[in-house]
């Protein structure tokens, strides 16, 4: 268990990073596969972040698994005992149901995947903003009154009107399962009357942005390369609309992913 100054420094360094704090909070539910962690938190530099947490004695790594160490559990408990932000009250919200699922045309960027539209009733309206902390890679947009979530390649958007859209879905069965999980997560929070306190954004790395750019280095954005564009996008020096190829039909899904990632910058 950390105690001397060098060990304490390792812990402080480990917890100074937002992604590593997200990993710690995610591991509170118990031992988890690193693949699942990557799906929820993001795979960018995941091995590095896990190694830093292990070196700080906050987690224990197994063969493809990770869990909180005894010290890590006590560390999080100590943080919680010092006082958390007040949980949001959603006790007045009504349980939701998925009223309709409609499969659309194949995704333009990947003809083997589908775009799906569903309806959630009753509409959650402004309650969506309160629900944002339920989803590790969720972000509420005031502009469109929608909660946008990303899990792996799948992007799910819940609108205040009750409309739900999903991209990069394999088939209707996967859509049904994902929507059922979504419904259960929301209804469990409504039943309890509270959701977790607002959390920090997940850090997005330049390579994660670059992955969804055209990677043609065409120069139409006036930057030397797509990677340079990714770095400047993260720093707020350029906006997505500067990448004109993203407006082409073949990059529709890429653009949607980048819109989601931009919300974390």
C-alpha atoms as a PDB file:
ATOM      1  CA  UNK A   1       0.000   0.000   0.000  1.00  0.00           C
ATOM      2  CA  UNK A   2       1.469   3.424  -0.969  1.00  0.00           C
ATOM      3  CA  UNK A   3       2.883   5.332   1.946  1.00  0.00           C
ATOM      4  CA  UNK A   4       6.258   6.899   1.218  1.00  0.00           C
ATOM      5  CA  UNK A   5       6.572  10.121  -0.829  1.00  0.00           C
ATOM      6  CA  UNK A   6       7.579   8.323  -4.049  1.00  0.00           C
ATOM      7  CA  UNK A   7       4.605   5.968  -3.860  1.00  0.00           C
ATOM      8  CA  UNK A   8       2.233   8.839  -3.108  1.00  0.00           C
ATOM      9  CA  UNK A   9       3.649  10.669  -6.111  1.00  0.00           C
ATOM     10  CA  UNK A  10       2.819   7.651  -8.301  1.00  0.00           C
ATOM     11  CA  UNK A  11      -0.783   7.699  -7.053  1.00  0.00           C
ATOM     12  CA  UNK A  12      -1.144  11.451  -7.601  1.00  0.00           C
ATOM     13  CA  UNK A  13       0.257  11.117 -11.101  1.00  0.00           C
ATOM     14  CA  UNK A  14      -2.062   8.203 -11.890  1.00  0.00           C
ATOM     15  CA  UNK A  15      -5.171  10.038 -10.708  1.00  0.00           C
ATOM     16  CA  UNK A  16      -4.251  13.339 -12.361  1.00  0.00           C
ATOM     17  CA  UNK A  17      -5.457  11.934 -15.685  1.00  0.00           C
ATOM     18  CA  UNK A  18      -9.196  12.031 -16.480  1.00  0.00           C
ATOM     19  CA  UNK A  19      -9.142   8.756 -18.439  1.00  0.00           C
ATOM     20  CA  UNK A  20      -7.493   6.902 -15.553  1.00  0.00           C
ATOM     21  CA  UNK A  21     -10.056   8.317 -13.131  1.00  0.00           C
ATOM     22  CA  UNK A  22     -12.783   7.021 -15.455  1.00  0.00           C
ATOM     23  CA  UNK A  23     -11.166   3.583 -15.473  1.00  0.00           C
ATOM     24  CA  UNK A  24     -11.043   3.531 -11.667  1.00  0.00           C
ATOM     25  CA  UNK A  25     -14.717   4.461 -11.410  1.00  0.00           C
ATOM     26  CA  UNK A  26     -15.638   1.881 -14.059  1.00  0.00           C
ATOM     27  CA  UNK A  27     -13.822  -0.858 -12.115  1.00  0.00           C
ATOM     28  CA  UNK A  28     -15.928  -0.196  -9.023  1.00  0.00           C
ATOM     29  CA  UNK A  29     -18.421  -2.755 -10.321  1.00  0.00           C
ATOM     30  CA  UNK A  30     -15.819  -5.520 -10.022  1.00  0.00           C
ATOM     31  CA  UNK A  31     -13.253  -7.413 -12.059  1.00  0.00           C
ATOM     32  CA  UNK A  32     -13.680  -6.574 -15.725  1.00  0.00           C
ATOM     33  CA  UNK A  33     -12.083  -7.610 -19.000  1.00  0.00           C
ATOM     34  CA  UNK A  34      -9.760  -5.068 -20.567  1.00  0.00           C
ATOM     35  CA  UNK A  35     -11.803  -5.421 -23.752  1.00  0.00           C
ATOM     36  CA  UNK A  36     -14.922  -4.209 -21.944  1.00  0.00           C
ATOM     37  CA  UNK A  37     -12.973  -1.333 -20.404  1.00  0.00           C
ATOM     38  CA  UNK A  38     -11.813  -0.335 -23.875  1.00  0.00           C
ATOM     39  CA  UNK A  39     -15.374  -0.468 -25.183  1.00  0.00           C
ATOM     40  CA  UNK A  40     -16.646   1.839 -22.459  1.00  0.00           C
ATOM     41  CA  UNK A  41     -13.701   4.150 -21.840  1.00  0.00           C
ATOM     42  CA  UNK A  42     -11.921   4.079 -25.197  1.00  0.00           C
ATOM     43  CA  UNK A  43      -8.994   1.997 -26.446  1.00  0.00           C
ATOM     44  CA  UNK A  44      -6.624   4.908 -27.040  1.00  0.00           C
ATOM     45  CA  UNK A  45      -3.483   4.245 -24.942  1.00  0.00           C
ATOM     46  CA  UNK A  46      -5.527   1.902 -22.736  1.00  0.00           C
ATOM     47  CA  UNK A  47      -2.584  -0.420 -22.015  1.00  0.00           C
ATOM     48  CA  UNK A  48      -0.489   2.554 -20.920  1.00  0.00           C
ATOM     49  CA  UNK A  49      -3.197   3.890 -18.582  1.00  0.00           C
ATOM     50  CA  UNK A  50      -3.716   0.454 -17.025  1.00  0.00           C
ATOM     51  CA  UNK A  51       0.023   0.057 -16.461  1.00  0.00           C
ATOM     52  CA  UNK A  52       0.232   3.451 -14.732  1.00  0.00           C
ATOM     53  CA  UNK A  53      -2.648   2.508 -12.411  1.00  0.00           C
ATOM     54  CA  UNK A  54      -0.997  -0.849 -11.687  1.00  0.00           C
ATOM     55  CA  UNK A  55       2.335   0.796 -10.860  1.00  0.00           C
ATOM     56  CA  UNK A  56       0.496   3.047  -8.413  1.00  0.00           C
ATOM     57  CA  UNK A  57      -0.981  -0.080  -6.735  1.00  0.00           C
ATOM     58  CA  UNK A  58      -4.498   1.125  -7.528  1.00  0.00           C
ATOM     59  CA  UNK A  59      -5.462  -1.856  -9.695  1.00  0.00           C
ATOM     60  CA  UNK A  60      -4.447  -5.453 -10.281  1.00  0.00           C
ATOM     61  CA  UNK A  61      -4.041  -6.816 -13.803  1.00  0.00           C
ATOM     62  CA  UNK A  62      -4.701 -10.429 -14.795  1.00  0.00           C
ATOM     63  CA  UNK A  63      -4.748 -12.216 -18.135  1.00  0.00           C
ATOM     64  CA  UNK A  64      -6.943  -9.806 -20.077  1.00  0.00           C
ATOM     65  CA  UNK A  65      -8.677  -8.578 -16.913  1.00  0.00           C
ATOM     66  CA  UNK A  66      -8.398  -5.732 -14.426  1.00  0.00           C
ATOM     67  CA  UNK A  67      -9.795  -5.058 -10.970  1.00  0.00           C
ATOM     68  CA  UNK A  68      -9.355  -2.574  -8.163  1.00  0.00           C
ATOM     69  CA  UNK A  69      -6.744  -3.469  -5.591  1.00  0.00           C
ATOM     70  CA  UNK A  70      -7.681  -3.270  -1.929  1.00  0.00           C
ATOM     71  CA  UNK A  71      -5.868   0.054  -1.793  1.00  0.00           C
ATOM     72  CA  UNK A  72      -7.728   1.226  -4.916  1.00  0.00           C
ATOM     73  CA  UNK A  73     -11.108   0.404  -3.362  1.00  0.00           C
ATOM     74  CA  UNK A  74     -10.175   2.216  -0.160  1.00  0.00           C
ATOM     75  CA  UNK A  75      -8.861   5.154  -2.176  1.00  0.00           C
ATOM     76  CA  UNK A  76     -12.186   5.582  -4.005  1.00  0.00           C
ATOM     77  CA  UNK A  77     -14.154   5.106  -0.802  1.00  0.00           C
ATOM     78  CA  UNK A  78     -12.075   7.804   0.853  1.00  0.00           C
ATOM     79  CA  UNK A  79     -12.785  10.165  -2.009  1.00  0.00           C
ATOM     80  CA  UNK A  80     -16.499   9.463  -1.754  1.00  0.00           C
ATOM     81  CA  UNK A  81     -16.497   9.982   2.010  1.00  0.00           C
ATOM     82  CA  UNK A  82     -14.989  13.435   1.558  1.00  0.00           C
ATOM     83  CA  UNK A  83     -18.194  14.487  -0.116  1.00  0.00           C
ATOM     84  CA  UNK A  84     -19.609  13.967  -3.569  1.00  0.00           C
ATOM     85  CA  UNK A  85     -21.697  16.349  -5.605  1.00  0.00           C
ATOM     86  CA  UNK A  86     -25.368  16.052  -4.855  1.00  0.00           C
ATOM     87  CA  UNK A  87     -27.042  13.450  -7.060  1.00  0.00           C
ATOM     88  CA  UNK A  88     -29.680  14.697  -9.434  1.00  0.00           C
ATOM     89  CA  UNK A  89     -33.290  13.940  -8.510  1.00  0.00           C
ATOM     90  CA  UNK A  90     -35.244  12.329 -11.352  1.00  0.00           C
ATOM     91  CA  UNK A  91     -37.952  10.768  -9.209  1.00  0.00           C
ATOM     92  CA  UNK A  92     -40.664  12.633 -11.138  1.00  0.00           C
ATOM     93  CA  UNK A  93     -39.684  11.082 -14.466  1.00  0.00           C
ATOM     94  CA  UNK A  94     -41.796   8.210 -15.792  1.00  0.00           C
ATOM     95  CA  UNK A  95     -40.375   4.825 -16.872  1.00  0.00           C
ATOM     96  CA  UNK A  96     -39.768   4.592 -20.605  1.00  0.00           C
ATOM     97  CA  UNK A  97     -40.546   1.939 -23.191  1.00  0.00           C
ATOM     98  CA  UNK A  98     -39.282   1.402 -26.724  1.00  0.00           C
ATOM     99  CA  UNK A  99     -42.404   1.965 -28.804  1.00  0.00           C
ATOM    100  CA  UNK A 100     -41.083   1.195 -32.290  1.00  0.00           C
ATOM    101  CA  UNK A 101     -37.990  -0.079 -34.066  1.00  0.00           C
ATOM    102  CA  UNK A 102     -37.526   0.598 -37.756  1.00  0.00           C
ATOM    103  CA  UNK A 103     -34.488  -0.552 -39.726  1.00  0.00           C
ATOM    104  CA  UNK A 104     -33.329   1.818 -42.445  1.00  0.00           C
ATOM    105  CA  UNK A 105     -30.975   1.539 -45.409  1.00  0.00           C
ATOM    106  CA  UNK A 106     -27.435   0.221 -44.902  1.00  0.00           C
ATOM    107  CA  UNK A 107     -24.897   2.756 -43.611  1.00  0.00           C
ATOM    108  CA  UNK A 108     -23.299   4.588 -46.512  1.00  0.00           C
ATOM    109  CA  UNK A 109     -19.793   4.201 -45.082  1.00  0.00           C
ATOM    110  CA  UNK A 110     -20.231   0.485 -44.392  1.00  0.00           C
ATOM    111  CA  UNK A 111     -22.842  -1.401 -46.391  1.00  0.00           C
ATOM    112  CA  UNK A 112     -22.677  -4.355 -43.969  1.00  0.00           C
ATOM    113  CA  UNK A 113     -24.000  -2.191 -41.107  1.00  0.00           C
ATOM    114  CA  UNK A 114     -27.353  -0.465 -40.629  1.00  0.00           C
ATOM    115  CA  UNK A 115     -28.883   2.758 -39.379  1.00  0.00           C
ATOM    116  CA  UNK A 116     -31.825   2.274 -37.043  1.00  0.00           C
ATOM    117  CA  UNK A 117     -34.560   4.580 -35.797  1.00  0.00           C
ATOM    118  CA  UNK A 118     -36.674   3.838 -32.731  1.00  0.00           C
ATOM    119  CA  UNK A 119     -39.129   5.743 -30.581  1.00  0.00           C
ATOM    120  CA  UNK A 120     -38.918   5.992 -26.797  1.00  0.00           C
ATOM    121  CA  UNK A 121     -42.072   6.832 -24.879  1.00  0.00           C
ATOM    122  CA  UNK A 122     -42.797   8.927 -22.998  1.00  0.00           C
ATOM    123  CA  UNK A 123     -40.308  11.497 -24.333  1.00  0.00           C
ATOM    124  CA  UNK A 124     -37.696  12.416 -21.715  1.00  0.00           C
ATOM    125  CA  UNK A 125     -37.332  16.048 -22.761  1.00  0.00           C
ATOM    126  CA  UNK A 126     -34.994  18.011 -20.482  1.00  0.00           C
ATOM    127  CA  UNK A 127     -34.461  14.974 -18.228  1.00  0.00           C
ATOM    128  CA  UNK A 128     -31.894  13.763 -20.789  1.00  0.00           C
ATOM    129  CA  UNK A 129     -29.331  16.242 -19.484  1.00  0.00           C
ATOM    130  CA  UNK A 130     -29.641  14.760 -15.998  1.00  0.00           C
ATOM    131  CA  UNK A 131     -29.153  11.238 -17.381  1.00  0.00           C
ATOM    132  CA  UNK A 132     -25.817  12.030 -19.049  1.00  0.00           C
ATOM    133  CA  UNK A 133     -23.641  10.638 -16.170  1.00  0.00           C
ATOM    134  CA  UNK A 134     -25.218   7.187 -16.594  1.00  0.00           C
ATOM    135  CA  UNK A 135     -23.203   6.605 -19.754  1.00  0.00           C
ATOM    136  CA  UNK A 136     -19.363   6.613 -19.680  1.00  0.00           C
ATOM    137  CA  UNK A 137     -19.129   8.023 -23.191  1.00  0.00           C
ATOM    138  CA  UNK A 138     -22.340  10.026 -23.185  1.00  0.00           C
ATOM    139  CA  UNK A 139     -22.660  13.740 -23.868  1.00  0.00           C
ATOM    140  CA  UNK A 140     -25.763  15.938 -23.726  1.00  0.00           C
ATOM    141  CA  UNK A 141     -26.194  18.596 -26.428  1.00  0.00           C
ATOM    142  CA  UNK A 142     -28.261  21.648 -25.475  1.00  0.00           C
ATOM    143  CA  UNK A 143     -28.308  22.726 -29.111  1.00  0.00           C
ATOM    144  CA  UNK A 144     -30.314  19.730 -30.328  1.00  0.00           C
ATOM    145  CA  UNK A 145     -31.713  18.624 -26.929  1.00  0.00           C
ATOM    146  CA  UNK A 146     -30.217  15.164 -27.311  1.00  0.00           C
ATOM    147  CA  UNK A 147     -28.067  12.704 -25.384  1.00  0.00           C
ATOM    148  CA  UNK A 148     -25.348  11.237 -27.626  1.00  0.00           C
ATOM    149  CA  UNK A 149     -23.585   8.034 -26.582  1.00  0.00           C
ATOM    150  CA  UNK A 150     -20.772   6.039 -28.117  1.00  0.00           C
ATOM    151  CA  UNK A 151     -19.923   2.389 -27.451  1.00  0.00           C
ATOM    152  CA  UNK A 152     -17.338   0.977 -29.802  1.00  0.00           C
ATOM    153  CA  UNK A 153     -18.438   1.910 -33.325  1.00  0.00           C
ATOM    154  CA  UNK A 154     -22.090   2.294 -32.379  1.00  0.00           C
ATOM    155  CA  UNK A 155     -23.420   5.820 -31.859  1.00  0.00           C
ATOM    156  CA  UNK A 156     -26.800   6.147 -30.170  1.00  0.00           C
ATOM    157  CA  UNK A 157     -28.652   9.459 -29.936  1.00  0.00           C
ATOM    158  CA  UNK A 158     -31.742   9.991 -27.770  1.00  0.00           C
ATOM    159  CA  UNK A 159     -33.674  13.155 -28.589  1.00  0.00           C
ATOM    160  CA  UNK A 160     -35.924  15.014 -26.185  1.00  0.00           C
ATOM    161  CA  UNK A 161     -38.819  14.263 -28.547  1.00  0.00           C
ATOM    162  CA  UNK A 162     -38.425  10.513 -27.935  1.00  0.00           C
ATOM    163  CA  UNK A 163     -36.711   9.724 -31.229  1.00  0.00           C
ATOM    164  CA  UNK A 164     -33.715   7.358 -30.935  1.00  0.00           C
ATOM    165  CA  UNK A 165     -31.185   6.803 -33.714  1.00  0.00           C
ATOM    166  CA  UNK A 166     -28.388   4.238 -33.905  1.00  0.00           C
ATOM    167  CA  UNK A 167     -25.577   3.836 -36.445  1.00  0.00           C
ATOM    168  CA  UNK A 168     -23.212   0.984 -37.352  1.00  0.00           C
ATOM    169  CA  UNK A 169     -25.642  -1.712 -36.187  1.00  0.00           C
ATOM    170  CA  UNK A 170     -25.027  -5.295 -37.377  1.00  0.00           C
ATOM    171  CA  UNK A 171     -28.669  -6.355 -37.478  1.00  0.00           C
ATOM    172  CA  UNK A 172     -32.079  -5.762 -35.937  1.00  0.00           C
ATOM    173  CA  UNK A 173     -31.306  -8.248 -33.164  1.00  0.00           C
ATOM    174  CA  UNK A 174     -28.316  -6.207 -32.018  1.00  0.00           C
ATOM    175  CA  UNK A 175     -30.435  -3.057 -32.201  1.00  0.00           C
ATOM    176  CA  UNK A 176     -33.145  -4.631 -30.043  1.00  0.00           C
ATOM    177  CA  UNK A 177     -30.637  -5.787 -27.428  1.00  0.00           C
ATOM    178  CA  UNK A 178     -28.905  -2.395 -27.301  1.00  0.00           C
ATOM    179  CA  UNK A 179     -32.210  -0.555 -26.954  1.00  0.00           C
ATOM    180  CA  UNK A 180     -33.363  -2.939 -24.225  1.00  0.00           C
ATOM    181  CA  UNK A 181     -30.154  -2.297 -22.273  1.00  0.00           C
ATOM    182  CA  UNK A 182     -30.666   1.422 -22.769  1.00  0.00           C
ATOM    183  CA  UNK A 183     -34.241   1.227 -21.507  1.00  0.00           C
ATOM    184  CA  UNK A 184     -33.212  -0.808 -18.458  1.00  0.00           C
ATOM    185  CA  UNK A 185     -30.387   1.571 -17.539  1.00  0.00           C
ATOM    186  CA  UNK A 186     -32.683   4.587 -17.693  1.00  0.00           C
ATOM    187  CA  UNK A 187     -35.554   2.916 -15.843  1.00  0.00           C
ATOM    188  CA  UNK A 188     -33.281   1.663 -13.055  1.00  0.00           C
ATOM    189  CA  UNK A 189     -32.128   5.237 -12.477  1.00  0.00           C
ATOM    190  CA  UNK A 190     -35.718   6.495 -12.526  1.00  0.00           C
ATOM    191  CA  UNK A 191     -36.747   3.794 -10.021  1.00  0.00           C
ATOM    192  CA  UNK A 192     -33.949   4.867  -7.667  1.00  0.00           C
ATOM    193  CA  UNK A 193     -34.807   8.525  -8.187  1.00  0.00           C
ATOM    194  CA  UNK A 194     -31.189   9.606  -8.638  1.00  0.00           C
ATOM    195  CA  UNK A 195     -28.305   9.396 -11.114  1.00  0.00           C
ATOM    196  CA  UNK A 196     -24.563   9.775 -10.479  1.00  0.00           C
ATOM    197  CA  UNK A 197     -23.154  13.260 -10.050  1.00  0.00           C
ATOM    198  CA  UNK A 198     -21.892  14.994 -13.210  1.00  0.00           C
ATOM    199  CA  UNK A 199     -18.524  13.610 -14.305  1.00  0.00           C
ATOM    200  CA  UNK A 200     -15.534  14.868 -16.195  1.00  0.00           C
ATOM    201  CA  UNK A 201     -15.236  14.506 -19.938  1.00  0.00           C
ATOM    202  CA  UNK A 202     -13.415  11.530 -21.370  1.00  0.00           C
ATOM    203  CA  UNK A 203     -10.130  12.723 -22.825  1.00  0.00           C
ATOM    204  CA  UNK A 204      -9.899  12.330 -26.584  1.00  0.00           C
ATOM    205  CA  UNK A 205      -6.477  11.748 -28.124  1.00  0.00           C
ATOM    206  CA  UNK A 206      -5.473  13.090 -31.595  1.00  0.00           C
ATOM    207  CA  UNK A 207      -5.186   9.562 -33.022  1.00  0.00           C
ATOM    208  CA  UNK A 208      -8.815   8.860 -32.112  1.00  0.00           C
ATOM    209  CA  UNK A 209      -9.851  11.928 -34.120  1.00  0.00           C
ATOM    210  CA  UNK A 210      -7.486  11.032 -36.968  1.00  0.00           C
ATOM    211  CA  UNK A 211      -8.982   7.532 -37.249  1.00  0.00           C
ATOM    212  CA  UNK A 212     -12.261   8.970 -38.556  1.00  0.00           C
ATOM    213  CA  UNK A 213     -10.779  11.649 -40.847  1.00  0.00           C
ATOM    214  CA  UNK A 214     -10.403  10.868 -44.584  1.00  0.00           C
ATOM    215  CA  UNK A 215      -6.609  10.400 -44.105  1.00  0.00           C
ATOM    216  CA  UNK A 216      -6.007  11.603 -47.655  1.00  0.00           C
ATOM    217  CA  UNK A 217      -3.931  14.662 -46.665  1.00  0.00           C
ATOM    218  CA  UNK A 218      -5.717  16.511 -49.477  1.00  0.00           C
ATOM    219  CA  UNK A 219      -4.980  19.948 -48.012  1.00  0.00           C
ATOM    220  CA  UNK A 220      -8.499  21.295 -48.657  1.00  0.00           C
ATOM    221  CA  UNK A 221      -8.621  22.411 -45.012  1.00  0.00           C
ATOM    222  CA  UNK A 222      -5.357  24.353 -45.563  1.00  0.00           C
ATOM    223  CA  UNK A 223      -3.494  22.063 -43.135  1.00  0.00           C
ATOM    224  CA  UNK A 224      -0.410  20.002 -43.982  1.00  0.00           C
ATOM    225  CA  UNK A 225      -2.031  16.679 -43.103  1.00  0.00           C
ATOM    226  CA  UNK A 226      -5.133  15.082 -41.608  1.00  0.00           C
ATOM    227  CA  UNK A 227      -3.195  14.462 -38.393  1.00  0.00           C
ATOM    228  CA  UNK A 228      -2.314  18.162 -38.159  1.00  0.00           C
ATOM    229  CA  UNK A 229      -6.018  18.906 -38.656  1.00  0.00           C
ATOM    230  CA  UNK A 230      -6.845  16.489 -35.797  1.00  0.00           C
ATOM    231  CA  UNK A 231      -4.442  18.283 -33.444  1.00  0.00           C
ATOM    232  CA  UNK A 232      -5.816  21.704 -34.347  1.00  0.00           C
ATOM    233  CA  UNK A 233      -9.391  20.444 -33.992  1.00  0.00           C
ATOM    234  CA  UNK A 234      -8.577  19.372 -30.441  1.00  0.00           C
ATOM    235  CA  UNK A 235      -7.081  22.781 -29.644  1.00  0.00           C
ATOM    236  CA  UNK A 236     -10.092  24.600 -31.074  1.00  0.00           C
ATOM    237  CA  UNK A 237      -8.108  26.210 -33.913  1.00  0.00           C
ATOM    238  CA  UNK A 238     -10.270  24.624 -36.626  1.00  0.00           C
ATOM    239  CA  UNK A 239     -13.816  23.253 -36.857  1.00  0.00           C
ATOM    240  CA  UNK A 240     -15.126  20.074 -38.484  1.00  0.00           C
ATOM    241  CA  UNK A 241     -16.749  21.954 -41.353  1.00  0.00           C
ATOM    242  CA  UNK A 242     -13.256  22.882 -42.609  1.00  0.00           C
ATOM    243  CA  UNK A 243     -12.818  19.246 -43.683  1.00  0.00           C
ATOM    244  CA  UNK A 244     -14.966  19.391 -46.821  1.00  0.00           C
ATOM    245  CA  UNK A 245     -14.504  15.693 -47.778  1.00  0.00           C
ATOM    246  CA  UNK A 246     -16.470  14.791 -44.639  1.00  0.00           C
ATOM    247  CA  UNK A 247     -19.519  16.293 -46.354  1.00  0.00           C
ATOM    248  CA  UNK A 248     -19.348  13.655 -49.081  1.00  0.00           C
ATOM    249  CA  UNK A 249     -21.843  10.711 -48.826  1.00  0.00           C
ATOM    250  CA  UNK A 250     -19.108   8.157 -48.197  1.00  0.00           C
ATOM    251  CA  UNK A 251     -18.038   9.882 -44.984  1.00  0.00           C
ATOM    252  CA  UNK A 252     -21.459  10.312 -43.353  1.00  0.00           C
ATOM    253  CA  UNK A 253     -20.747   7.842 -40.538  1.00  0.00           C
ATOM    254  CA  UNK A 254     -17.233   9.219 -40.024  1.00  0.00           C
ATOM    255  CA  UNK A 255     -18.704  12.688 -39.635  1.00  0.00           C
ATOM    256  CA  UNK A 256     -21.221  11.454 -37.062  1.00  0.00           C
ATOM    257  CA  UNK A 257     -18.432   9.816 -35.042  1.00  0.00           C
ATOM    258  CA  UNK A 258     -16.359  12.990 -35.164  1.00  0.00           C
ATOM    259  CA  UNK A 259     -19.315  15.066 -33.997  1.00  0.00           C
ATOM    260  CA  UNK A 260     -19.570  12.820 -30.951  1.00  0.00           C
ATOM    261  CA  UNK A 261     -15.830  12.947 -30.250  1.00  0.00           C
ATOM    262  CA  UNK A 262     -15.847  16.730 -30.631  1.00  0.00           C
ATOM    263  CA  UNK A 263     -18.269  16.933 -27.741  1.00  0.00           C
ATOM    264  CA  UNK A 264     -15.520  15.566 -25.458  1.00  0.00           C
ATOM    265  CA  UNK A 265     -12.901  18.131 -26.503  1.00  0.00           C
END
